[in-house]
Amino acid sequence: LSEEHVRLLEQIPSFIWQTPLATSLWETHFQQLIEYKETFGDCNVPVPYKMKPELGEFVRTQRVLYKLKKEGIRAWWTLSNEQVDRLEEIGFSWLVARRVEEIGFSWLVARRVEEIGFSW
């Protein structure tokens, strides 16, 4: 969409960028992320995540959409301010690299190996 089309659509009071189905799927994955955090203590779901592959993709997609939002780029799906707030409330880390520095790379690798069931 051109910037002009986006501007015109946003002027329509009842226009919603997110469909009910997409919002419902987001909510389902968000609840799965809460369960993951309760189990593992953080929201850093690996990609791929063999237990629930769609959850790892959800987490990766949220980080991409957040980056695009911060850069002012409209994507096929817009991460709402409410969704950003909800993710941050549960301790979602937008930058995985920062988390790696906090906990140590070797621990993160060991945990990932354990989660995806990889053995040497």
PDB file of N, CA and C in Angstrom:
ATOM      1  N   LEU A   1       0.829  -1.191   0.000  1.00  0.00           N
ATOM      2  CA  LEU A   1       0.000   0.000   0.000  1.00  0.00           C
ATOM      3  C   LEU A   1       0.868   1.248   0.000  1.00  0.00           C
ATOM      4  N   SER A   2       0.418   2.231  -0.709  1.00  0.00           N
ATOM      5  CA  SER A   2       1.142   3.498  -0.696  1.00  0.00           C
ATOM      6  C   SER A   2       0.875   4.227   0.613  1.00  0.00           C
ATOM      7  N   GLU A   3       1.719   5.185   0.915  1.00  0.00           N
ATOM      8  CA  GLU A   3       1.506   5.974   2.131  1.00  0.00           C
ATOM      9  C   GLU A   3       0.167   6.688   2.087  1.00  0.00           C
ATOM     10  N   GLU A   4      -0.229   7.142   0.914  1.00  0.00           N
ATOM     11  CA  GLU A   4      -1.515   7.821   0.759  1.00  0.00           C
ATOM     12  C   GLU A   4      -2.670   6.880   1.065  1.00  0.00           C
ATOM     13  N   HIS A   5      -2.611   5.647   0.572  1.00  0.00           N
ATOM     14  CA  HIS A   5      -3.669   4.667   0.854  1.00  0.00           C
ATOM     15  C   HIS A   5      -3.736   4.346   2.347  1.00  0.00           C
ATOM     16  N   VAL A   6      -2.588   4.177   2.966  1.00  0.00           N
ATOM     17  CA  VAL A   6      -2.545   3.913   4.401  1.00  0.00           C
ATOM     18  C   VAL A   6      -3.193   5.067   5.163  1.00  0.00           C
ATOM     19  N   ARG A   7      -2.829   6.286   4.798  1.00  0.00           N
ATOM     20  CA  ARG A   7      -3.379   7.480   5.463  1.00  0.00           C
ATOM     21  C   ARG A   7      -4.898   7.530   5.311  1.00  0.00           C
ATOM     22  N   LEU A   8      -5.385   7.247   4.116  1.00  0.00           N
ATOM     23  CA  LEU A   8      -6.837   7.278   3.879  1.00  0.00           C
ATOM     24  C   LEU A   8      -7.557   6.192   4.680  1.00  0.00           C
ATOM     25  N   LEU A   9      -6.994   4.997   4.709  1.00  0.00           N
ATOM     26  CA  LEU A   9      -7.613   3.920   5.485  1.00  0.00           C
ATOM     27  C   LEU A   9      -7.647   4.246   6.969  1.00  0.00           C
ATOM     28  N   GLU A  10      -6.581   4.836   7.473  1.00  0.00           N
ATOM     29  CA  GLU A  10      -6.526   5.167   8.898  1.00  0.00           C
ATOM     30  C   GLU A  10      -7.488   6.277   9.283  1.00  0.00           C
ATOM     31  N   GLN A  11      -7.996   7.015   8.317  1.00  0.00           N
ATOM     32  CA  GLN A  11      -8.983   8.061   8.602  1.00  0.00           C
ATOM     33  C   GLN A  11     -10.396   7.498   8.763  1.00  0.00           C
ATOM     34  N   ILE A  12     -10.591   6.255   8.373  1.00  0.00           N
ATOM     35  CA  ILE A  12     -11.899   5.620   8.522  1.00  0.00           C
ATOM     36  C   ILE A  12     -12.035   5.164   9.974  1.00  0.00           C
ATOM     37  N   PRO A  13     -12.995   5.718  10.734  1.00  0.00           N
ATOM     38  CA  PRO A  13     -13.100   5.407  12.169  1.00  0.00           C
ATOM     39  C   PRO A  13     -13.241   3.924  12.488  1.00  0.00           C
ATOM     40  N   SER A  14     -13.928   3.161  11.670  1.00  0.00           N
ATOM     41  CA  SER A  14     -14.165   1.744  11.984  1.00  0.00           C
ATOM     42  C   SER A  14     -13.149   0.807  11.344  1.00  0.00           C
ATOM     43  N   PHE A  15     -12.147   1.352  10.639  1.00  0.00           N
ATOM     44  CA  PHE A  15     -11.176   0.489   9.962  1.00  0.00           C
ATOM     45  C   PHE A  15     -10.231  -0.144  10.975  1.00  0.00           C
ATOM     46  N   ILE A  16     -10.036  -1.464  10.841  1.00  0.00           N
ATOM     47  CA  ILE A  16      -9.161  -2.218  11.738  1.00  0.00           C
ATOM     48  C   ILE A  16      -8.127  -2.936  10.879  1.00  0.00           C
ATOM     49  N   TRP A  17      -6.853  -2.735  11.202  1.00  0.00           N
ATOM     50  CA  TRP A  17      -5.791  -3.392  10.445  1.00  0.00           C
ATOM     51  C   TRP A  17      -5.743  -4.883  10.717  1.00  0.00           C
ATOM     52  N   GLN A  18      -6.100  -5.302  11.900  1.00  0.00           N
ATOM     53  CA  GLN A  18      -5.990  -6.711  12.273  1.00  0.00           C
ATOM     54  C   GLN A  18      -7.352  -7.380  12.188  1.00  0.00           C
ATOM     55  N   THR A  19      -7.389  -8.547  11.554  1.00  0.00           N
ATOM     56  CA  THR A  19      -8.640  -9.281  11.450  1.00  0.00           C
ATOM     57  C   THR A  19      -8.907 -10.024  12.752  1.00  0.00           C
ATOM     58  N   PRO A  20     -10.177 -10.337  13.044  1.00  0.00           N
ATOM     59  CA  PRO A  20     -10.476 -11.100  14.265  1.00  0.00           C
ATOM     60  C   PRO A  20      -9.729 -12.438  14.319  1.00  0.00           C
ATOM     61  N   LEU A  21      -9.597 -13.131  13.175  1.00  0.00           N
ATOM     62  CA  LEU A  21      -8.895 -14.407  13.162  1.00  0.00           C
ATOM     63  C   LEU A  21      -7.428 -14.214  13.536  1.00  0.00           C
ATOM     64  N   ALA A  22      -6.781 -13.208  12.951  1.00  0.00           N
ATOM     65  CA  ALA A  22      -5.374 -12.944  13.261  1.00  0.00           C
ATOM     66  C   ALA A  22      -5.204 -12.578  14.727  1.00  0.00           C
ATOM     67  N   THR A  23      -6.116 -11.781  15.250  1.00  0.00           N
ATOM     68  CA  THR A  23      -6.055 -11.390  16.656  1.00  0.00           C
ATOM     69  C   THR A  23      -6.235 -12.612  17.554  1.00  0.00           C
ATOM     70  N   SER A  24      -7.140 -13.508  17.185  1.00  0.00           N
ATOM     71  CA  SER A  24      -7.368 -14.732  17.950  1.00  0.00           C
ATOM     72  C   SER A  24      -6.127 -15.625  17.941  1.00  0.00           C
ATOM     73  N   LEU A  25      -5.467 -15.746  16.777  1.00  0.00           N
ATOM     74  CA  LEU A  25      -4.241 -16.533  16.703  1.00  0.00           C
ATOM     75  C   LEU A  25      -3.138 -15.908  17.552  1.00  0.00           C
ATOM     76  N   TRP A  26      -3.047 -14.570  17.519  1.00  0.00           N
ATOM     77  CA  TRP A  26      -2.044 -13.884  18.332  1.00  0.00           C
ATOM     78  C   TRP A  26      -2.286 -14.204  19.804  1.00  0.00           C
ATOM     79  N   GLU A  27      -3.534 -14.133  20.222  1.00  0.00           N
ATOM     80  CA  GLU A  27      -3.882 -14.395  21.624  1.00  0.00           C
ATOM     81  C   GLU A  27      -3.541 -15.830  22.018  1.00  0.00           C
ATOM     82  N   THR A  28      -3.791 -16.775  21.138  1.00  0.00           N
ATOM     83  CA  THR A  28      -3.462 -18.182  21.404  1.00  0.00           C
ATOM     84  C   THR A  28      -1.959 -18.342  21.616  1.00  0.00           C
ATOM     85  N   HIS A  29      -1.167 -17.760  20.722  1.00  0.00           N
ATOM     86  CA  HIS A  29       0.294 -17.864  20.843  1.00  0.00           C
ATOM     87  C   HIS A  29       0.803 -17.111  22.072  1.00  0.00           C
ATOM     88  N   PHE A  30       0.178 -15.999  22.378  1.00  0.00           N
ATOM     89  CA  PHE A  30       0.572 -15.246  23.571  1.00  0.00           C
ATOM     90  C   PHE A  30       0.367 -16.090  24.825  1.00  0.00           C
ATOM     91  N   GLN A  31      -0.750 -16.790  24.918  1.00  0.00           N
ATOM     92  CA  GLN A  31      -1.012 -17.664  26.060  1.00  0.00           C
ATOM     93  C   GLN A  31       0.006 -18.801  26.114  1.00  0.00           C
ATOM     94  N   GLN A  32       0.378 -19.340  24.952  1.00  0.00           N
ATOM     95  CA  GLN A  32       1.419 -20.372  24.908  1.00  0.00           C
ATOM     96  C   GLN A  32       2.749 -19.814  25.389  1.00  0.00           C
ATOM     97  N   LEU A  33       3.026 -18.559  25.059  1.00  0.00           N
ATOM     98  CA  LEU A  33       4.267 -17.921  25.497  1.00  0.00           C
ATOM     99  C   LEU A  33       4.285 -17.757  27.014  1.00  0.00           C
ATOM    100  N   ILE A  34       3.159 -17.414  27.595  1.00  0.00           N
ATOM    101  CA  ILE A  34       3.063 -17.318  29.059  1.00  0.00           C
ATOM    102  C   ILE A  34       3.356 -18.678  29.689  1.00  0.00           C
ATOM    103  N   GLU A  35       2.795 -19.744  29.128  1.00  0.00           N
ATOM    104  CA  GLU A  35       3.055 -21.093  29.637  1.00  0.00           C
ATOM    105  C   GLU A  35       4.540 -21.452  29.504  1.00  0.00           C
ATOM    106  N   TYR A  36       5.141 -21.076  28.383  1.00  0.00           N
ATOM    107  CA  TYR A  36       6.570 -21.331  28.173  1.00  0.00           C
ATOM    108  C   TYR A  36       7.392 -20.612  29.240  1.00  0.00           C
ATOM    109  N   LYS A  37       7.036 -19.364  29.518  1.00  0.00           N
ATOM    110  CA  LYS A  37       7.775 -18.601  30.523  1.00  0.00           C
ATOM    111  C   LYS A  37       7.622 -19.238  31.904  1.00  0.00           C
ATOM    112  N   GLU A  38       6.436 -19.707  32.226  1.00  0.00           N
ATOM    113  CA  GLU A  38       6.223 -20.367  33.517  1.00  0.00           C
ATOM    114  C   GLU A  38       7.102 -21.614  33.647  1.00  0.00           C
ATOM    115  N   THR A  39       7.344 -22.277  32.536  1.00  0.00           N
ATOM    116  CA  THR A  39       8.166 -23.491  32.544  1.00  0.00           C
ATOM    117  C   THR A  39       9.658 -23.186  32.549  1.00  0.00           C
ATOM    118  N   PHE A  40      10.101 -22.270  31.675  1.00  0.00           N
ATOM    119  CA  PHE A  40      11.526 -22.044  31.467  1.00  0.00           C
ATOM    120  C   PHE A  40      12.065 -20.746  32.090  1.00  0.00           C
ATOM    121  N   GLY A  41      11.171 -19.876  32.550  1.00  0.00           N
ATOM    122  CA  GLY A  41      11.623 -18.667  33.238  1.00  0.00           C
ATOM    123  C   GLY A  41      11.900 -17.468  32.358  1.00  0.00           C
ATOM    124  N   ASP A  42      11.728 -17.611  31.039  1.00  0.00           N
ATOM    125  CA  ASP A  42      11.899 -16.466  30.142  1.00  0.00           C
ATOM    126  C   ASP A  42      11.046 -16.688  28.900  1.00  0.00           C
ATOM    127  N   CYS A  43      11.104 -15.722  27.993  1.00  0.00           N
ATOM    128  CA  CYS A  43      10.305 -15.788  26.762  1.00  0.00           C
ATOM    129  C   CYS A  43      11.163 -16.051  25.529  1.00  0.00           C
ATOM    130  N   ASN A  44      12.366 -16.553  25.718  1.00  0.00           N
ATOM    131  CA  ASN A  44      13.294 -16.772  24.616  1.00  0.00           C
ATOM    132  C   ASN A  44      13.101 -18.160  24.004  1.00  0.00           C
ATOM    133  N   VAL A  45      12.014 -18.312  23.306  1.00  0.00           N
ATOM    134  CA  VAL A  45      11.688 -19.589  22.667  1.00  0.00           C
ATOM    135  C   VAL A  45      12.651 -19.808  21.506  1.00  0.00           C
ATOM    136  N   PRO A  46      13.297 -20.971  21.448  1.00  0.00           N
ATOM    137  CA  PRO A  46      14.217 -21.215  20.334  1.00  0.00           C
ATOM    138  C   PRO A  46      13.472 -21.447  19.023  1.00  0.00           C
ATOM    139  N   VAL A  47      14.164 -21.186  17.932  1.00  0.00           N
ATOM    140  CA  VAL A  47      13.629 -21.471  16.606  1.00  0.00           C
ATOM    141  C   VAL A  47      14.643 -22.373  15.921  1.00  0.00           C
ATOM    142  N   PRO A  48      14.309 -23.606  15.603  1.00  0.00           N
ATOM    143  CA  PRO A  48      13.004 -24.225  15.807  1.00  0.00           C
ATOM    144  C   PRO A  48      12.820 -24.708  17.252  1.00  0.00           C
ATOM    145  N   TYR A  49      11.581 -24.801  17.664  1.00  0.00           N
ATOM    146  CA  TYR A  49      11.223 -25.329  18.981  1.00  0.00           C
ATOM    147  C   TYR A  49      10.395 -26.577  18.728  1.00  0.00           C
ATOM    148  N   LYS A  50      10.964 -27.737  18.987  1.00  0.00           N
ATOM    149  CA  LYS A  50      10.321 -28.983  18.566  1.00  0.00           C
ATOM    150  C   LYS A  50       8.990 -29.253  19.270  1.00  0.00           C
ATOM    151  N   MET A  51       8.810 -28.756  20.495  1.00  0.00           N
ATOM    152  CA  MET A  51       7.555 -29.001  21.212  1.00  0.00           C
ATOM    153  C   MET A  51       6.375 -28.268  20.567  1.00  0.00           C
ATOM    154  N   LYS A  52       6.608 -27.015  20.156  1.00  0.00           N
ATOM    155  CA  LYS A  52       5.567 -26.200  19.514  1.00  0.00           C
ATOM    156  C   LYS A  52       6.249 -25.293  18.495  1.00  0.00           C
ATOM    157  N   PRO A  53       6.477 -25.804  17.284  1.00  0.00           N
ATOM    158  CA  PRO A  53       7.192 -25.018  16.279  1.00  0.00           C
ATOM    159  C   PRO A  53       6.570 -23.647  16.013  1.00  0.00           C
ATOM    160  N   GLU A  54       5.245 -23.577  16.074  1.00  0.00           N
ATOM    161  CA  GLU A  54       4.576 -22.302  15.797  1.00  0.00           C
ATOM    162  C   GLU A  54       4.887 -21.247  16.864  1.00  0.00           C
ATOM    163  N   LEU A  55       5.231 -21.665  18.073  1.00  0.00           N
ATOM    164  CA  LEU A  55       5.553 -20.710  19.136  1.00  0.00           C
ATOM    165  C   LEU A  55       6.893 -20.032  18.866  1.00  0.00           C
ATOM    166  N   GLY A  56       7.873 -20.789  18.418  1.00  0.00           N
ATOM    167  CA  GLY A  56       9.156 -20.189  18.063  1.00  0.00           C
ATOM    168  C   GLY A  56       9.009 -19.193  16.927  1.00  0.00           C
ATOM    169  N   GLU A  57       8.192 -19.546  15.945  1.00  0.00           N
ATOM    170  CA  GLU A  57       7.947 -18.636  14.820  1.00  0.00           C
ATOM    171  C   GLU A  57       7.195 -17.388  15.287  1.00  0.00           C
ATOM    172  N   PHE A  58       6.260 -17.567  16.207  1.00  0.00           N
ATOM    173  CA  PHE A  58       5.519 -16.430  16.758  1.00  0.00           C
ATOM    174  C   PHE A  58       6.474 -15.441  17.415  1.00  0.00           C
ATOM    175  N   VAL A  59       7.382 -15.944  18.239  1.00  0.00           N
ATOM    176  CA  VAL A  59       8.331 -15.081  18.950  1.00  0.00           C
ATOM    177  C   VAL A  59       9.225 -14.346  17.952  1.00  0.00           C
ATOM    178  N   ARG A  60       9.731 -15.076  16.968  1.00  0.00           N
ATOM    179  CA  ARG A  60      10.586 -14.443  15.963  1.00  0.00           C
ATOM    180  C   ARG A  60       9.803 -13.353  15.216  1.00  0.00           C
ATOM    181  N   THR A  61       8.568 -13.642  14.849  1.00  0.00           N
ATOM    182  CA  THR A  61       7.743 -12.680  14.116  1.00  0.00           C
ATOM    183  C   THR A  61       7.479 -11.426  14.948  1.00  0.00           C
ATOM    184  N   GLN A  62       7.241 -11.589  16.257  1.00  0.00           N
ATOM    185  CA  GLN A  62       6.992 -10.415  17.105  1.00  0.00           C
ATOM    186  C   GLN A  62       8.208  -9.492  17.113  1.00  0.00           C
ATOM    187  N   ARG A  63       9.400 -10.086  17.158  1.00  0.00           N
ATOM    188  CA  ARG A  63      10.633  -9.275  17.158  1.00  0.00           C
ATOM    189  C   ARG A  63      10.802  -8.526  15.833  1.00  0.00           C
ATOM    190  N   VAL A  64      10.500  -9.201  14.734  1.00  0.00           N
ATOM    191  CA  VAL A  64      10.596  -8.556  13.419  1.00  0.00           C
ATOM    192  C   VAL A  64       9.576  -7.421  13.308  1.00  0.00           C
ATOM    193  N   LEU A  65       8.337  -7.701  13.699  1.00  0.00           N
ATOM    194  CA  LEU A  65       7.289  -6.675  13.613  1.00  0.00           C
ATOM    195  C   LEU A  65       7.591  -5.482  14.506  1.00  0.00           C
ATOM    196  N   TYR A  66       8.165  -5.736  15.680  1.00  0.00           N
ATOM    197  CA  TYR A  66       8.528  -4.649  16.590  1.00  0.00           C
ATOM    198  C   TYR A  66       9.604  -3.767  15.952  1.00  0.00           C
ATOM    199  N   LYS A  67      10.589  -4.406  15.341  1.00  0.00           N
ATOM    200  CA  LYS A  67      11.663  -3.649  14.682  1.00  0.00           C
ATOM    201  C   LYS A  67      11.091  -2.788  13.559  1.00  0.00           C
ATOM    202  N   LEU A  68      10.217  -3.366  12.745  1.00  0.00           N
ATOM    203  CA  LEU A  68       9.592  -2.608  11.660  1.00  0.00           C
ATOM    204  C   LEU A  68       8.764  -1.442  12.205  1.00  0.00           C
ATOM    205  N   LYS A  69       8.048  -1.699  13.295  1.00  0.00           N
ATOM    206  CA  LYS A  69       7.227  -0.654  13.921  1.00  0.00           C
ATOM    207  C   LYS A  69       8.111   0.499  14.382  1.00  0.00           C
ATOM    208  N   LYS A  70       9.224   0.176  15.030  1.00  0.00           N
ATOM    209  CA  LYS A  70      10.138   1.207  15.519  1.00  0.00           C
ATOM    210  C   LYS A  70      10.753   2.007  14.373  1.00  0.00           C
ATOM    211  N   GLU A  71      10.926   1.359  13.218  1.00  0.00           N
ATOM    212  CA  GLU A  71      11.497   2.023  12.051  1.00  0.00           C
ATOM    213  C   GLU A  71      10.437   2.733  11.209  1.00  0.00           C
ATOM    214  N   GLY A  72       9.165   2.635  11.635  1.00  0.00           N
ATOM    215  CA  GLY A  72       8.083   3.302  10.914  1.00  0.00           C
ATOM    216  C   GLY A  72       7.681   2.614   9.623  1.00  0.00           C
ATOM    217  N   ILE A  73       7.977   1.326   9.503  1.00  0.00           N
ATOM    218  CA  ILE A  73       7.648   0.569   8.299  1.00  0.00           C
ATOM    219  C   ILE A  73       6.385  -0.246   8.560  1.00  0.00           C
ATOM    220  N   ARG A  74       5.373  -0.054   7.719  1.00  0.00           N
ATOM    221  CA  ARG A  74       4.124  -0.803   7.874  1.00  0.00           C
ATOM    222  C   ARG A  74       4.275  -2.159   7.207  1.00  0.00           C
ATOM    223  N   ALA A  75       3.993  -3.201   7.955  1.00  0.00           N
ATOM    224  CA  ALA A  75       4.107  -4.573   7.455  1.00  0.00           C
ATOM    225  C   ALA A  75       2.717  -5.132   7.179  1.00  0.00           C
ATOM    226  N   TRP A  76       2.687  -6.371   6.718  1.00  0.00           N
ATOM    227  CA  TRP A  76       1.413  -7.056   6.459  1.00  0.00           C
ATOM    228  C   TRP A  76       0.596  -7.189   7.731  1.00  0.00           C
ATOM    229  N   TRP A  77       1.251  -7.161   8.861  1.00  0.00           N
ATOM    230  CA  TRP A  77       0.596  -7.235  10.170  1.00  0.00           C
ATOM    231  C   TRP A  77       1.217  -6.160  11.020  1.00  0.00           C
ATOM    232  N   THR A  78       0.404  -5.415  11.703  1.00  0.00           N
ATOM    233  CA  THR A  78       0.909  -4.346  12.547  1.00  0.00           C
ATOM    234  C   THR A  78       0.839  -4.794  14.000  1.00  0.00           C
ATOM    235  N   LEU A  79       1.933  -4.695  14.701  1.00  0.00           N
ATOM    236  CA  LEU A  79       1.969  -5.000  16.126  1.00  0.00           C
ATOM    237  C   LEU A  79       1.399  -3.788  16.856  1.00  0.00           C
ATOM    238  N   SER A  80       0.298  -3.983  17.552  1.00  0.00           N
ATOM    239  CA  SER A  80      -0.354  -2.848  18.226  1.00  0.00           C
ATOM    240  C   SER A  80       0.415  -2.448  19.479  1.00  0.00           C
ATOM    241  N   ASN A  81       0.186  -1.231  19.933  1.00  0.00           N
ATOM    242  CA  ASN A  81       0.817  -0.765  21.177  1.00  0.00           C
ATOM    243  C   ASN A  81       0.386  -1.642  22.349  1.00  0.00           C
ATOM    244  N   GLU A  82      -0.865  -2.081  22.333  1.00  0.00           N
ATOM    245  CA  GLU A  82      -1.356  -2.960  23.401  1.00  0.00           C
ATOM    246  C   GLU A  82      -0.602  -4.291  23.399  1.00  0.00           C
ATOM    247  N   GLN A  83      -0.358  -4.844  22.222  1.00  0.00           N
ATOM    248  CA  GLN A  83       0.384  -6.099  22.134  1.00  0.00           C
ATOM    249  C   GLN A  83       1.821  -5.921  22.611  1.00  0.00           C
ATOM    250  N   VAL A  84       2.439  -4.808  22.232  1.00  0.00           N
ATOM    251  CA  VAL A  84       3.793  -4.509  22.711  1.00  0.00           C
ATOM    252  C   VAL A  84       3.799  -4.448  24.234  1.00  0.00           C
ATOM    253  N   ASP A  85       2.834  -3.722  24.806  1.00  0.00           N
ATOM    254  CA  ASP A  85       2.756  -3.598  26.262  1.00  0.00           C
ATOM    255  C   ASP A  85       2.562  -4.955  26.930  1.00  0.00           C
ATOM    256  N   ARG A  86       1.687  -5.780  26.378  1.00  0.00           N
ATOM    257  CA  ARG A  86       1.423  -7.094  26.975  1.00  0.00           C
ATOM    258  C   ARG A  86       2.663  -7.976  26.931  1.00  0.00           C
ATOM    259  N   LEU A  87       3.382  -7.945  25.812  1.00  0.00           N
ATOM    260  CA  LEU A  87       4.613  -8.726  25.714  1.00  0.00           C
ATOM    261  C   LEU A  87       5.646  -8.228  26.720  1.00  0.00           C
ATOM    262  N   GLU A  88       5.782  -6.929  26.845  1.00  0.00           N
ATOM    263  CA  GLU A  88       6.753  -6.375  27.785  1.00  0.00           C
ATOM    264  C   GLU A  88       6.374  -6.672  29.234  1.00  0.00           C
ATOM    265  N   GLU A  89       5.076  -6.713  29.529  1.00  0.00           N
ATOM    266  CA  GLU A  89       4.616  -7.022  30.887  1.00  0.00           C
ATOM    267  C   GLU A  89       5.036  -8.419  31.338  1.00  0.00           C
ATOM    268  N   ILE A  90       5.163  -9.340  30.398  1.00  0.00           N
ATOM    269  CA  ILE A  90       5.579 -10.707  30.780  1.00  0.00           C
ATOM    270  C   ILE A  90       7.084 -10.899  30.655  1.00  0.00           C
ATOM    271  N   GLY A  91       7.809  -9.818  30.354  1.00  0.00           N
ATOM    272  CA  GLY A  91       9.258  -9.894  30.304  1.00  0.00           C
ATOM    273  C   GLY A  91       9.835 -10.290  28.961  1.00  0.00           C
ATOM    274  N   PHE A  92       9.090 -10.042  27.887  1.00  0.00           N
ATOM    275  CA  PHE A  92       9.558 -10.362  26.540  1.00  0.00           C
ATOM    276  C   PHE A  92      10.761  -9.500  26.199  1.00  0.00           C
ATOM    277  N   SER A  93      11.810 -10.128  25.697  1.00  0.00           N
ATOM    278  CA  SER A  93      13.032  -9.414  25.315  1.00  0.00           C
ATOM    279  C   SER A  93      13.035  -9.200  23.810  1.00  0.00           C
ATOM    280  N   TRP A  94      13.066  -7.939  23.406  1.00  0.00           N
ATOM    281  CA  TRP A  94      13.043  -7.632  21.976  1.00  0.00           C
ATOM    282  C   TRP A  94      14.369  -7.962  21.306  1.00  0.00           C
ATOM    283  N   LEU A  95      15.444  -7.885  22.049  1.00  0.00           N
ATOM    284  CA  LEU A  95      16.768  -8.179  21.503  1.00  0.00           C
ATOM    285  C   LEU A  95      17.337  -9.401  22.195  1.00  0.00           C
ATOM    286  N   VAL A  96      17.440 -10.488  21.487  1.00  0.00           N
ATOM    287  CA  VAL A  96      17.942 -11.723  22.068  1.00  0.00           C
ATOM    288  C   VAL A  96      19.399 -11.564  22.472  1.00  0.00           C
ATOM    289  N   ALA A  97      20.178 -10.831  21.705  1.00  0.00           N
ATOM    290  CA  ALA A  97      21.608 -10.669  22.004  1.00  0.00           C
ATOM    291  C   ALA A  97      21.827 -10.114  23.399  1.00  0.00           C
ATOM    292  N   ARG A  98      20.992  -9.188  23.824  1.00  0.00           N
ATOM    293  CA  ARG A  98      21.117  -8.624  25.166  1.00  0.00           C
ATOM    294  C   ARG A  98      20.942  -9.713  26.218  1.00  0.00           C
ATOM    295  N   ARG A  99      19.998 -10.591  26.011  1.00  0.00           N
ATOM    296  CA  ARG A  99      19.737 -11.685  26.951  1.00  0.00           C
ATOM    297  C   ARG A  99      20.922 -12.645  26.999  1.00  0.00           C
ATOM    298  N   VAL A 100      21.544 -12.907  25.850  1.00  0.00           N
ATOM    299  CA  VAL A 100      22.700 -13.802  25.807  1.00  0.00           C
ATOM    300  C   VAL A 100      23.815 -13.242  26.673  1.00  0.00           C
ATOM    301  N   GLU A 101      24.052 -11.938  26.597  1.00  0.00           N
ATOM    302  CA  GLU A 101      25.098 -11.325  27.411  1.00  0.00           C
ATOM    303  C   GLU A 101      24.781 -11.436  28.900  1.00  0.00           C
ATOM    304  N   GLU A 102      23.502 -11.320  29.250  1.00  0.00           N
ATOM    305  CA  GLU A 102      23.103 -11.360  30.656  1.00  0.00           C
ATOM    306  C   GLU A 102      23.328 -12.736  31.278  1.00  0.00           C
ATOM    307  N   ILE A 103      23.006 -13.811  30.555  1.00  0.00           N
ATOM    308  CA  ILE A 103      23.029 -15.141  31.174  1.00  0.00           C
ATOM    309  C   ILE A 103      24.216 -15.995  30.759  1.00  0.00           C
ATOM    310  N   GLY A 104      24.914 -15.573  29.748  1.00  0.00           N
ATOM    311  CA  GLY A 104      26.075 -16.345  29.314  1.00  0.00           C
ATOM    312  C   GLY A 104      25.750 -17.243  28.146  1.00  0.00           C
ATOM    313  N   PHE A 105      26.585 -17.191  27.127  1.00  0.00           N
ATOM    314  CA  PHE A 105      26.338 -17.915  25.895  1.00  0.00           C
ATOM    315  C   PHE A 105      26.331 -19.428  26.093  1.00  0.00           C
ATOM    316  N   SER A 106      27.251 -19.970  26.883  1.00  0.00           N
ATOM    317  CA  SER A 106      27.335 -21.424  27.025  1.00  0.00           C
ATOM    318  C   SER A 106      26.079 -22.002  27.684  1.00  0.00           C
ATOM    319  N   TRP A 107      25.507 -21.279  28.655  1.00  0.00           N
ATOM    320  CA  TRP A 107      24.275 -21.755  29.292  1.00  0.00           C
ATOM    321  C   TRP A 107      23.133 -21.760  28.290  1.00  0.00           C
ATOM    322  N   LEU A 108      23.067 -20.712  27.458  1.00  0.00           N
ATOM    323  CA  LEU A 108      22.001 -20.620  26.472  1.00  0.00           C
ATOM    324  C   LEU A 108      22.101 -21.756  25.450  1.00  0.00           C
ATOM    325  N   VAL A 109      23.302 -22.071  25.003  1.00  0.00           N
ATOM    326  CA  VAL A 109      23.497 -23.163  24.056  1.00  0.00           C
ATOM    327  C   VAL A 109      23.087 -24.486  24.695  1.00  0.00           C
ATOM    328  N   ALA A 110      23.500 -24.722  25.939  1.00  0.00           N
ATOM    329  CA  ALA A 110      23.142 -25.964  26.630  1.00  0.00           C
ATOM    330  C   ALA A 110      21.627 -26.099  26.753  1.00  0.00           C
ATOM    331  N   ARG A 111      20.959 -25.013  27.087  1.00  0.00           N
ATOM    332  CA  ARG A 111      19.507 -25.047  27.233  1.00  0.00           C
ATOM    333  C   ARG A 111      18.835 -25.312  25.894  1.00  0.00           C
ATOM    334  N   ARG A 112      19.320 -24.676  24.859  1.00  0.00           N
ATOM    335  CA  ARG A 112      18.740 -24.883  23.534  1.00  0.00           C
ATOM    336  C   ARG A 112      18.905 -26.338  23.095  1.00  0.00           C
ATOM    337  N   VAL A 113      20.074 -26.911  23.324  1.00  0.00           N
ATOM    338  CA  VAL A 113      20.324 -28.313  22.973  1.00  0.00           C
ATOM    339  C   VAL A 113      19.337 -29.204  23.709  1.00  0.00           C
ATOM    340  N   GLU A 114      19.112 -28.913  24.981  1.00  0.00           N
ATOM    341  CA  GLU A 114      18.182 -29.704  25.780  1.00  0.00           C
ATOM    342  C   GLU A 114      16.759 -29.565  25.252  1.00  0.00           C
ATOM    343  N   GLU A 115      16.331 -28.334  24.901  1.00  0.00           N
ATOM    344  CA  GLU A 115      14.964 -28.091  24.454  1.00  0.00           C
ATOM    345  C   GLU A 115      14.651 -28.747  23.113  1.00  0.00           C
ATOM    346  N   ILE A 116      15.594 -28.709  22.191  1.00  0.00           N
ATOM    347  CA  ILE A 116      15.288 -29.266  20.869  1.00  0.00           C
ATOM    348  C   ILE A 116      15.631 -30.739  20.775  1.00  0.00           C
ATOM    349  N   GLY A 117      16.206 -31.290  21.843  1.00  0.00           N
ATOM    350  CA  GLY A 117      16.462 -32.719  21.884  1.00  0.00           C
ATOM    351  C   GLY A 117      17.653 -33.155  21.058  1.00  0.00           C
ATOM    352  N   PHE A 118      18.617 -32.261  20.876  1.00  0.00           N
ATOM    353  CA  PHE A 118      19.801 -32.576  20.093  1.00  0.00           C
ATOM    354  C   PHE A 118      20.837 -33.221  20.996  1.00  0.00           C
ATOM    355  N   SER A 119      21.499 -34.249  20.507  1.00  0.00           N
ATOM    356  CA  SER A 119      22.577 -34.856  21.279  1.00  0.00           C
ATOM    357  C   SER A 119      23.791 -35.021  20.381  1.00  0.00           C
ATOM    358  N   TRP A 120      24.980 -34.987  20.965  1.00  0.00           N
ATOM    359  CA  TRP A 120      26.223 -35.091  20.194  1.00  0.00           C
ATOM    360  C   TRP A 120      26.531 -36.517  19.881  1.00  0.00           C
TER     361      TRP A 120
END
